C-alpha cells in the first residue's frame, strides 16, 4: 500500500514536471519568435517610402510641439480665457 502510494505520487510529480516543461518550451518559443521578428524589422511600417516616413515624423513632432506649448501656456496662465458663459443654457 505504501509503495503504491509513493508510485502514485511519483507519477503525479512526473506529470507536473512534463506539463511545466511544455509550458516553458511554449513560452520560450514565443519569446524567441518575438525577438527574431523584432530584429528583422517586421515591426516597422511596411510599404512606407522615406518621404512618407519623414512627413509622418515631421507631423508628429509638430503636433507634440503644439501640445507642449499649450501645456506651458496653461502652466504660466497665459492661455486665452474661455468664451463660454458661466450660466447654463436650458
Foldseek 3Di string as FASTA:
>chain_A
DVVVVVVVVVVVVVVVVVVVVVVVVVVVVVVVVVVVCVVVPVVDDPPADPVNVVVVVVVVVVVVVVVVVVVVCVVVVNDDDDPDDPDDDD
